[in-house]
Amino acid sequence: MEGSLWKPRLVIDKGAGGLPYFRHAIKRAAANILIVHNHPSGTLTPSAEDLEVTDRLVEVGKIIGIEVVDHLIIGDYEYLSFKEKGYIV
């Protein structure tokens, strides 16, 4: 949907925290996860929602013992690493 105004809606239920996003990792006894999503527009700039969701998932990961090693945004033949940019410490 290149060039469209379509924007996915991601909602983390405050009661559930980020646990639904860790379900498969927990079932497989994973030590860490990598979050990846794309921006169909091609821009790599993280939105305020991207930053908020990442912060919340990192915190949930710390609580349950599954590290979020990075969050990648994929754009037009490029990517942005939250780890490299310092958004994940």
PDB file of N, CA and C in Angstrom:
ATOM      1  N   MET A   1       0.831  -1.180   0.000  1.00  0.00           N
ATOM      2  CA  MET A   1       0.000   0.000   0.000  1.00  0.00           C
ATOM      3  C   MET A   1       0.880   1.249   0.000  1.00  0.00           C
ATOM      4  N   GLU A   2       1.845   1.254  -0.840  1.00  0.00           N
ATOM      5  CA  GLU A   2       2.780   2.369  -0.901  1.00  0.00           C
ATOM      6  C   GLU A   2       2.045   3.675  -1.180  1.00  0.00           C
ATOM      7  N   GLY A   3       2.352   4.677  -0.394  1.00  0.00           N
ATOM      8  CA  GLY A   3       1.781   5.984  -0.587  1.00  0.00           C
ATOM      9  C   GLY A   3       0.386   6.155  -0.014  1.00  0.00           C
ATOM     10  N   SER A   4      -0.133   5.124   0.635  1.00  0.00           N
ATOM     11  CA  SER A   4      -1.483   5.237   1.191  1.00  0.00           C
ATOM     12  C   SER A   4      -1.429   5.855   2.582  1.00  0.00           C
ATOM     13  N   LEU A   5      -2.599   6.213   3.082  1.00  0.00           N
ATOM     14  CA  LEU A   5      -2.699   6.759   4.423  1.00  0.00           C
ATOM     15  C   LEU A   5      -3.079   5.679   5.418  1.00  0.00           C
ATOM     16  N   TRP A   6      -3.120   4.425   4.972  1.00  0.00           N
ATOM     17  CA  TRP A   6      -3.482   3.317   5.847  1.00  0.00           C
ATOM     18  C   TRP A   6      -2.466   3.202   6.964  1.00  0.00           C
ATOM     19  N   LYS A   7      -2.968   3.053   8.179  1.00  0.00           N
ATOM     20  CA  LYS A   7      -2.076   2.908   9.326  1.00  0.00           C
ATOM     21  C   LYS A   7      -2.620   1.802  10.216  1.00  0.00           C
ATOM     22  N   PRO A   8      -1.826   0.777  10.470  1.00  0.00           N
ATOM     23  CA  PRO A   8      -2.310  -0.284  11.354  1.00  0.00           C
ATOM     24  C   PRO A   8      -2.494   0.252  12.765  1.00  0.00           C
ATOM     25  N   ARG A   9      -3.438  -0.310  13.465  1.00  0.00           N
ATOM     26  CA  ARG A   9      -3.698   0.102  14.844  1.00  0.00           C
ATOM     27  C   ARG A   9      -3.169  -0.978  15.760  1.00  0.00           C
ATOM     28  N   LEU A  10      -2.243  -0.646  16.591  1.00  0.00           N
ATOM     29  CA  LEU A  10      -1.680  -1.592  17.549  1.00  0.00           C
ATOM     30  C   LEU A  10      -2.072  -1.135  18.936  1.00  0.00           C
ATOM     31  N   VAL A  11      -2.758  -1.999  19.628  1.00  0.00           N
ATOM     32  CA  VAL A  11      -3.217  -1.662  20.969  1.00  0.00           C
ATOM     33  C   VAL A  11      -2.682  -2.706  21.930  1.00  0.00           C
ATOM     34  N   ILE A  12      -2.016  -2.262  22.967  1.00  0.00           N
ATOM     35  CA  ILE A  12      -1.595  -3.175  24.017  1.00  0.00           C
ATOM     36  C   ILE A  12      -2.551  -2.959  25.175  1.00  0.00           C
ATOM     37  N   ASP A  13      -3.311  -3.988  25.474  1.00  0.00           N
ATOM     38  CA  ASP A  13      -4.260  -3.915  26.581  1.00  0.00           C
ATOM     39  C   ASP A  13      -3.478  -3.684  27.865  1.00  0.00           C
ATOM     40  N   LYS A  14      -3.785  -2.613  28.555  1.00  0.00           N
ATOM     41  CA  LYS A  14      -3.052  -2.272  29.778  1.00  0.00           C
ATOM     42  C   LYS A  14      -3.133  -3.388  30.816  1.00  0.00           C
ATOM     43  N   GLY A  15      -4.250  -4.111  30.855  1.00  0.00           N
ATOM     44  CA  GLY A  15      -4.390  -5.209  31.803  1.00  0.00           C
ATOM     45  C   GLY A  15      -3.482  -6.378  31.465  1.00  0.00           C
ATOM     46  N   ALA A  16      -3.299  -6.640  30.184  1.00  0.00           N
ATOM     47  CA  ALA A  16      -2.484  -7.770  29.746  1.00  0.00           C
ATOM     48  C   ALA A  16      -1.028  -7.370  29.552  1.00  0.00           C
ATOM     49  N   GLY A  17      -0.750  -6.062  29.582  1.00  0.00           N
ATOM     50  CA  GLY A  17       0.612  -5.619  29.313  1.00  0.00           C
ATOM     51  C   GLY A  17       1.025  -6.048  27.924  1.00  0.00           C
ATOM     52  N   GLY A  18       2.250  -6.499  27.764  1.00  0.00           N
ATOM     53  CA  GLY A  18       2.727  -6.970  26.469  1.00  0.00           C
ATOM     54  C   GLY A  18       2.737  -8.473  26.368  1.00  0.00           C
ATOM     55  N   LEU A  19       2.141  -9.144  27.354  1.00  0.00           N
ATOM     56  CA  LEU A  19       2.227 -10.598  27.411  1.00  0.00           C
ATOM     57  C   LEU A  19       1.770 -11.304  26.140  1.00  0.00           C
ATOM     58  N   PRO A  20       0.687 -10.871  25.480  1.00  0.00           N
ATOM     59  CA  PRO A  20       0.295 -11.574  24.254  1.00  0.00           C
ATOM     60  C   PRO A  20       1.411 -11.620  23.202  1.00  0.00           C
ATOM     61  N   TYR A  21       2.273 -10.620  23.187  1.00  0.00           N
ATOM     62  CA  TYR A  21       3.352 -10.575  22.210  1.00  0.00           C
ATOM     63  C   TYR A  21       4.487 -11.545  22.555  1.00  0.00           C
ATOM     64  N   PHE A  22       4.498 -12.041  23.756  1.00  0.00           N
ATOM     65  CA  PHE A  22       5.528 -12.978  24.196  1.00  0.00           C
ATOM     66  C   PHE A  22       5.020 -14.419  24.239  1.00  0.00           C
ATOM     67  N   ARG A  23       3.765 -14.640  23.894  1.00  0.00           N
ATOM     68  CA  ARG A  23       3.151 -15.967  24.030  1.00  0.00           C
ATOM     69  C   ARG A  23       3.983 -17.079  23.383  1.00  0.00           C
ATOM     70  N   HIS A  24       4.367 -16.906  22.116  1.00  0.00           N
ATOM     71  CA  HIS A  24       5.137 -17.945  21.428  1.00  0.00           C
ATOM     72  C   HIS A  24       6.534 -18.106  22.037  1.00  0.00           C
ATOM     73  N   ALA A  25       7.132 -17.007  22.443  1.00  0.00           N
ATOM     74  CA  ALA A  25       8.459 -17.073  23.067  1.00  0.00           C
ATOM     75  C   ALA A  25       8.395 -17.839  24.379  1.00  0.00           C
ATOM     76  N   ILE A  26       7.343 -17.613  25.155  1.00  0.00           N
ATOM     77  CA  ILE A  26       7.183 -18.325  26.428  1.00  0.00           C
ATOM     78  C   ILE A  26       6.973 -19.805  26.178  1.00  0.00           C
ATOM     79  N   LYS A  27       6.120 -20.145  25.214  1.00  0.00           N
ATOM     80  CA  LYS A  27       5.843 -21.553  24.894  1.00  0.00           C
ATOM     81  C   LYS A  27       7.106 -22.293  24.464  1.00  0.00           C
ATOM     82  N   ARG A  28       8.019 -21.573  23.835  1.00  0.00           N
ATOM     83  CA  ARG A  28       9.245 -22.200  23.327  1.00  0.00           C
ATOM     84  C   ARG A  28      10.450 -21.953  24.234  1.00  0.00           C
ATOM     85  N   ALA A  29      10.216 -21.407  25.404  1.00  0.00           N
ATOM     86  CA  ALA A  29      11.263 -21.127  26.384  1.00  0.00           C
ATOM     87  C   ALA A  29      12.399 -20.298  25.769  1.00  0.00           C
ATOM     88  N   ALA A  30      12.019 -19.279  24.990  1.00  0.00           N
ATOM     89  CA  ALA A  30      13.008 -18.423  24.340  1.00  0.00           C
ATOM     90  C   ALA A  30      13.697 -17.521  25.359  1.00  0.00           C
ATOM     91  N   ALA A  31      14.945 -17.207  25.091  1.00  0.00           N
ATOM     92  CA  ALA A  31      15.705 -16.300  25.952  1.00  0.00           C
ATOM     93  C   ALA A  31      15.540 -14.851  25.511  1.00  0.00           C
ATOM     94  N   ASN A  32      15.222 -14.646  24.225  1.00  0.00           N
ATOM     95  CA  ASN A  32      15.064 -13.292  23.721  1.00  0.00           C
ATOM     96  C   ASN A  32      14.180 -13.282  22.478  1.00  0.00           C
ATOM     97  N   ILE A  33      13.737 -12.075  22.099  1.00  0.00           N
ATOM     98  CA  ILE A  33      12.931 -11.905  20.896  1.00  0.00           C
ATOM     99  C   ILE A  33      13.437 -10.694  20.121  1.00  0.00           C
ATOM    100  N   LEU A  34      13.077 -10.662  18.854  1.00  0.00           N
ATOM    101  CA  LEU A  34      13.375  -9.550  17.958  1.00  0.00           C
ATOM    102  C   LEU A  34      12.036  -9.072  17.401  1.00  0.00           C
ATOM    103  N   ILE A  35      11.766  -7.803  17.525  1.00  0.00           N
ATOM    104  CA  ILE A  35      10.531  -7.223  16.995  1.00  0.00           C
ATOM    105  C   ILE A  35      10.853  -6.618  15.635  1.00  0.00           C
ATOM    106  N   VAL A  36      10.024  -6.902  14.648  1.00  0.00           N
ATOM    107  CA  VAL A  36      10.231  -6.372  13.302  1.00  0.00           C
ATOM    108  C   VAL A  36       8.875  -5.960  12.738  1.00  0.00           C
ATOM    109  N   HIS A  37       8.817  -4.785  12.155  1.00  0.00           N
ATOM    110  CA  HIS A  37       7.630  -4.401  11.405  1.00  0.00           C
ATOM    111  C   HIS A  37       8.054  -3.493  10.261  1.00  0.00           C
ATOM    112  N   ASN A  38       7.151  -3.313   9.300  1.00  0.00           N
ATOM    113  CA  ASN A  38       7.503  -2.483   8.155  1.00  0.00           C
ATOM    114  C   ASN A  38       6.709  -1.193   8.167  1.00  0.00           C
ATOM    115  N   HIS A  39       7.244  -0.213   7.467  1.00  0.00           N
ATOM    116  CA  HIS A  39       6.546   1.031   7.196  1.00  0.00           C
ATOM    117  C   HIS A  39       6.342   1.067   5.681  1.00  0.00           C
ATOM    118  N   PRO A  40       5.129   0.771   5.212  1.00  0.00           N
ATOM    119  CA  PRO A  40       4.879   0.746   3.770  1.00  0.00           C
ATOM    120  C   PRO A  40       5.217   2.057   3.068  1.00  0.00           C
ATOM    121  N   SER A  41       5.207   3.154   3.804  1.00  0.00           N
ATOM    122  CA  SER A  41       5.540   4.455   3.217  1.00  0.00           C
ATOM    123  C   SER A  41       7.013   4.537   2.841  1.00  0.00           C
ATOM    124  N   GLY A  42       7.834   3.668   3.453  1.00  0.00           N
ATOM    125  CA  GLY A  42       9.268   3.689   3.195  1.00  0.00           C
ATOM    126  C   GLY A  42      10.045   4.511   4.200  1.00  0.00           C
ATOM    127  N   THR A  43       9.384   5.394   4.929  1.00  0.00           N
ATOM    128  CA  THR A  43      10.079   6.212   5.927  1.00  0.00           C
ATOM    129  C   THR A  43      10.479   5.352   7.117  1.00  0.00           C
ATOM    130  N   LEU A  44      11.649   5.590   7.637  1.00  0.00           N
ATOM    131  CA  LEU A  44      12.160   4.793   8.745  1.00  0.00           C
ATOM    132  C   LEU A  44      11.972   5.467  10.100  1.00  0.00           C
ATOM    133  N   THR A  45      11.455   6.652  10.126  1.00  0.00           N
ATOM    134  CA  THR A  45      11.290   7.374  11.383  1.00  0.00           C
ATOM    135  C   THR A  45      10.253   6.678  12.257  1.00  0.00           C
ATOM    136  N   PRO A  46      10.646   6.281  13.478  1.00  0.00           N
ATOM    137  CA  PRO A  46       9.679   5.631  14.358  1.00  0.00           C
ATOM    138  C   PRO A  46       8.616   6.621  14.826  1.00  0.00           C
ATOM    139  N   SER A  47       7.377   6.154  14.854  1.00  0.00           N
ATOM    140  CA  SER A  47       6.286   6.991  15.357  1.00  0.00           C
ATOM    141  C   SER A  47       6.326   6.991  16.882  1.00  0.00           C
ATOM    142  N   ALA A  48       5.562   7.902  17.472  1.00  0.00           N
ATOM    143  CA  ALA A  48       5.447   7.924  18.934  1.00  0.00           C
ATOM    144  C   ALA A  48       4.901   6.587  19.430  1.00  0.00           C
ATOM    145  N   GLU A  49       3.972   6.003  18.688  1.00  0.00           N
ATOM    146  CA  GLU A  49       3.406   4.702  19.053  1.00  0.00           C
ATOM    147  C   GLU A  49       4.471   3.605  18.971  1.00  0.00           C
ATOM    148  N   ASP A  50       5.329   3.637  17.950  1.00  0.00           N
ATOM    149  CA  ASP A  50       6.426   2.661  17.833  1.00  0.00           C
ATOM    150  C   ASP A  50       7.314   2.723  19.070  1.00  0.00           C
ATOM    151  N   LEU A  51       7.652   3.933  19.487  1.00  0.00           N
ATOM    152  CA  LEU A  51       8.533   4.115  20.641  1.00  0.00           C
ATOM    153  C   LEU A  51       7.852   3.653  21.932  1.00  0.00           C
ATOM    154  N   GLU A  52       6.571   3.993  22.090  1.00  0.00           N
ATOM    155  CA  GLU A  52       5.845   3.605  23.294  1.00  0.00           C
ATOM    156  C   GLU A  52       5.686   2.085  23.394  1.00  0.00           C
ATOM    157  N   VAL A  53       5.296   1.468  22.303  1.00  0.00           N
ATOM    158  CA  VAL A  53       5.115   0.012  22.301  1.00  0.00           C
ATOM    159  C   VAL A  53       6.443  -0.677  22.592  1.00  0.00           C
ATOM    160  N   THR A  54       7.513  -0.197  21.989  1.00  0.00           N
ATOM    161  CA  THR A  54       8.829  -0.794  22.219  1.00  0.00           C
ATOM    162  C   THR A  54       9.225  -0.694  23.687  1.00  0.00           C
ATOM    163  N   ASP A  55       9.067   0.492  24.273  1.00  0.00           N
ATOM    164  CA  ASP A  55       9.392   0.666  25.695  1.00  0.00           C
ATOM    165  C   ASP A  55       8.597  -0.304  26.566  1.00  0.00           C
ATOM    166  N   ARG A  56       7.307  -0.436  26.285  1.00  0.00           N
ATOM    167  CA  ARG A  56       6.465  -1.325  27.088  1.00  0.00           C
ATOM    168  C   ARG A  56       6.873  -2.781  26.920  1.00  0.00           C
ATOM    169  N   LEU A  57       7.181  -3.197  25.682  1.00  0.00           N
ATOM    170  CA  LEU A  57       7.589  -4.586  25.459  1.00  0.00           C
ATOM    171  C   LEU A  57       8.943  -4.883  26.098  1.00  0.00           C
ATOM    172  N   VAL A  58       9.852  -3.924  26.073  1.00  0.00           N
ATOM    173  CA  VAL A  58      11.151  -4.106  26.739  1.00  0.00           C
ATOM    174  C   VAL A  58      10.935  -4.303  28.237  1.00  0.00           C
ATOM    175  N   GLU A  59      10.066  -3.494  28.836  1.00  0.00           N
ATOM    176  CA  GLU A  59       9.792  -3.617  30.269  1.00  0.00           C
ATOM    177  C   GLU A  59       9.142  -4.951  30.608  1.00  0.00           C
ATOM    178  N   VAL A  60       8.170  -5.372  29.809  1.00  0.00           N
ATOM    179  CA  VAL A  60       7.536  -6.677  30.039  1.00  0.00           C
ATOM    180  C   VAL A  60       8.576  -7.780  29.912  1.00  0.00           C
ATOM    181  N   GLY A  61       9.428  -7.671  28.905  1.00  0.00           N
ATOM    182  CA  GLY A  61      10.485  -8.668  28.721  1.00  0.00           C
ATOM    183  C   GLY A  61      11.395  -8.772  29.936  1.00  0.00           C
ATOM    184  N   LYS A  62      11.721  -7.638  30.532  1.00  0.00           N
ATOM    185  CA  LYS A  62      12.555  -7.657  31.743  1.00  0.00           C
ATOM    186  C   LYS A  62      11.840  -8.372  32.879  1.00  0.00           C
ATOM    187  N   ILE A  63      10.547  -8.132  33.013  1.00  0.00           N
ATOM    188  CA  ILE A  63       9.768  -8.746  34.094  1.00  0.00           C
ATOM    189  C   ILE A  63       9.690 -10.259  33.933  1.00  0.00           C
ATOM    190  N   ILE A  64       9.473 -10.728  32.698  1.00  0.00           N
ATOM    191  CA  ILE A  64       9.288 -12.176  32.494  1.00  0.00           C
ATOM    192  C   ILE A  64      10.583 -12.895  32.106  1.00  0.00           C
ATOM    193  N   GLY A  65      11.670 -12.146  31.946  1.00  0.00           N
ATOM    194  CA  GLY A  65      12.960 -12.775  31.675  1.00  0.00           C
ATOM    195  C   GLY A  65      13.214 -13.129  30.221  1.00  0.00           C
ATOM    196  N   ILE A  66      12.566 -12.407  29.300  1.00  0.00           N
ATOM    197  CA  ILE A  66      12.816 -12.593  27.870  1.00  0.00           C
ATOM    198  C   ILE A  66      13.244 -11.243  27.304  1.00  0.00           C
ATOM    199  N   GLU A  67      14.506 -11.129  26.937  1.00  0.00           N
ATOM    200  CA  GLU A  67      15.063  -9.859  26.470  1.00  0.00           C
ATOM    201  C   GLU A  67      14.576  -9.511  25.064  1.00  0.00           C
ATOM    202  N   VAL A  68      14.199  -8.262  24.865  1.00  0.00           N
ATOM    203  CA  VAL A  68      13.935  -7.733  23.531  1.00  0.00           C
ATOM    204  C   VAL A  68      15.288  -7.251  23.015  1.00  0.00           C
ATOM    205  N   VAL A  69      15.892  -7.997  22.087  1.00  0.00           N
ATOM    206  CA  VAL A  69      17.244  -7.660  21.636  1.00  0.00           C
ATOM    207  C   VAL A  69      17.272  -6.485  20.669  1.00  0.00           C
ATOM    208  N   ASP A  70      16.181  -6.302  19.916  1.00  0.00           N
ATOM    209  CA  ASP A  70      16.112  -5.167  18.998  1.00  0.00           C
ATOM    210  C   ASP A  70      14.701  -5.059  18.443  1.00  0.00           C
ATOM    211  N   HIS A  71      14.433  -3.934  17.860  1.00  0.00           N
ATOM    212  CA  HIS A  71      13.188  -3.682  17.129  1.00  0.00           C
ATOM    213  C   HIS A  71      13.627  -3.055  15.823  1.00  0.00           C
ATOM    214  N   LEU A  72      13.250  -3.669  14.719  1.00  0.00           N
ATOM    215  CA  LEU A  72      13.634  -3.176  13.402  1.00  0.00           C
ATOM    216  C   LEU A  72      12.423  -2.630  12.674  1.00  0.00           C
ATOM    217  N   ILE A  73      12.617  -1.498  12.005  1.00  0.00           N
ATOM    218  CA  ILE A  73      11.619  -0.984  11.066  1.00  0.00           C
ATOM    219  C   ILE A  73      12.214  -1.174   9.676  1.00  0.00           C
ATOM    220  N   ILE A  74      11.454  -1.827   8.818  1.00  0.00           N
ATOM    221  CA  ILE A  74      11.895  -2.070   7.446  1.00  0.00           C
ATOM    222  C   ILE A  74      11.217  -1.052   6.542  1.00  0.00           C
ATOM    223  N   GLY A  75      12.013  -0.374   5.715  1.00  0.00           N
ATOM    224  CA  GLY A  75      11.486   0.604   4.760  1.00  0.00           C
ATOM    225  C   GLY A  75      11.891   0.201   3.360  1.00  0.00           C
ATOM    226  N   ASP A  76      12.064   1.160   2.482  1.00  0.00           N
ATOM    227  CA  ASP A  76      12.481   0.891   1.101  1.00  0.00           C
ATOM    228  C   ASP A  76      13.957   0.526   1.044  1.00  0.00           C
ATOM    229  N   TYR A  77      14.252  -0.766   1.042  1.00  0.00           N
ATOM    230  CA  TYR A  77      15.621  -1.281   0.936  1.00  0.00           C
ATOM    231  C   TYR A  77      16.539  -0.812   2.058  1.00  0.00           C
ATOM    232  N   GLU A  78      15.955  -0.380   3.174  1.00  0.00           N
ATOM    233  CA  GLU A  78      16.710   0.076   4.331  1.00  0.00           C
ATOM    234  C   GLU A  78      16.026  -0.415   5.594  1.00  0.00           C
ATOM    235  N   TYR A  79      16.699  -0.264   6.698  1.00  0.00           N
ATOM    236  CA  TYR A  79      16.094  -0.597   7.983  1.00  0.00           C
ATOM    237  C   TYR A  79      16.601   0.375   9.037  1.00  0.00           C
ATOM    238  N   LEU A  80      15.855   0.461  10.123  1.00  0.00           N
ATOM    239  CA  LEU A  80      16.275   1.234  11.285  1.00  0.00           C
ATOM    240  C   LEU A  80      16.294   0.280  12.469  1.00  0.00           C
ATOM    241  N   SER A  81      17.390   0.268  13.190  1.00  0.00           N
ATOM    242  CA  SER A  81      17.537  -0.553  14.387  1.00  0.00           C
ATOM    243  C   SER A  81      17.362   0.328  15.616  1.00  0.00           C
ATOM    244  N   PHE A  82      16.375  -0.007  16.453  1.00  0.00           N
ATOM    245  CA  PHE A  82      16.173   0.741  17.684  1.00  0.00           C
ATOM    246  C   PHE A  82      17.391   0.613  18.594  1.00  0.00           C
ATOM    247  N   LYS A  83      18.058  -0.532  18.566  1.00  0.00           N
ATOM    248  CA  LYS A  83      19.255  -0.747  19.384  1.00  0.00           C
ATOM    249  C   LYS A  83      20.377   0.190  18.939  1.00  0.00           C
ATOM    250  N   GLU A  84      20.626   0.218  17.626  1.00  0.00           N
ATOM    251  CA  GLU A  84      21.691   1.074  17.093  1.00  0.00           C
ATOM    252  C   GLU A  84      21.418   2.557  17.341  1.00  0.00           C
ATOM    253  N   LYS A  85      20.151   2.954  17.314  1.00  0.00           N
ATOM    254  CA  LYS A  85      19.788   4.363  17.528  1.00  0.00           C
ATOM    255  C   LYS A  85      19.694   4.731  19.003  1.00  0.00           C
ATOM    256  N   GLY A  86      19.846   3.742  19.907  1.00  0.00           N
ATOM    257  CA  GLY A  86      19.823   4.022  21.326  1.00  0.00           C
ATOM    258  C   GLY A  86      18.445   4.023  21.970  1.00  0.00           C
ATOM    259  N   TYR A  87      17.411   3.616  21.220  1.00  0.00           N
ATOM    260  CA  TYR A  87      16.063   3.554  21.773  1.00  0.00           C
ATOM    261  C   TYR A  87      15.912   2.359  22.724  1.00  0.00           C
ATOM    262  N   ILE A  88      16.723   1.325  22.503  1.00  0.00           N
ATOM    263  CA  ILE A  88      16.767   0.154  23.409  1.00  0.00           C
ATOM    264  C   ILE A  88      18.162   0.129  23.998  1.00  0.00           C
ATOM    265  N   VAL A  89      18.229   0.151  25.314  1.00  0.00           N
ATOM    266  CA  VAL A  89      19.539   0.175  25.986  1.00  0.00           C
ATOM    267  C   VAL A  89      19.861  -1.210  26.517  1.00  0.00           C
TER     268      VAL A  89
END
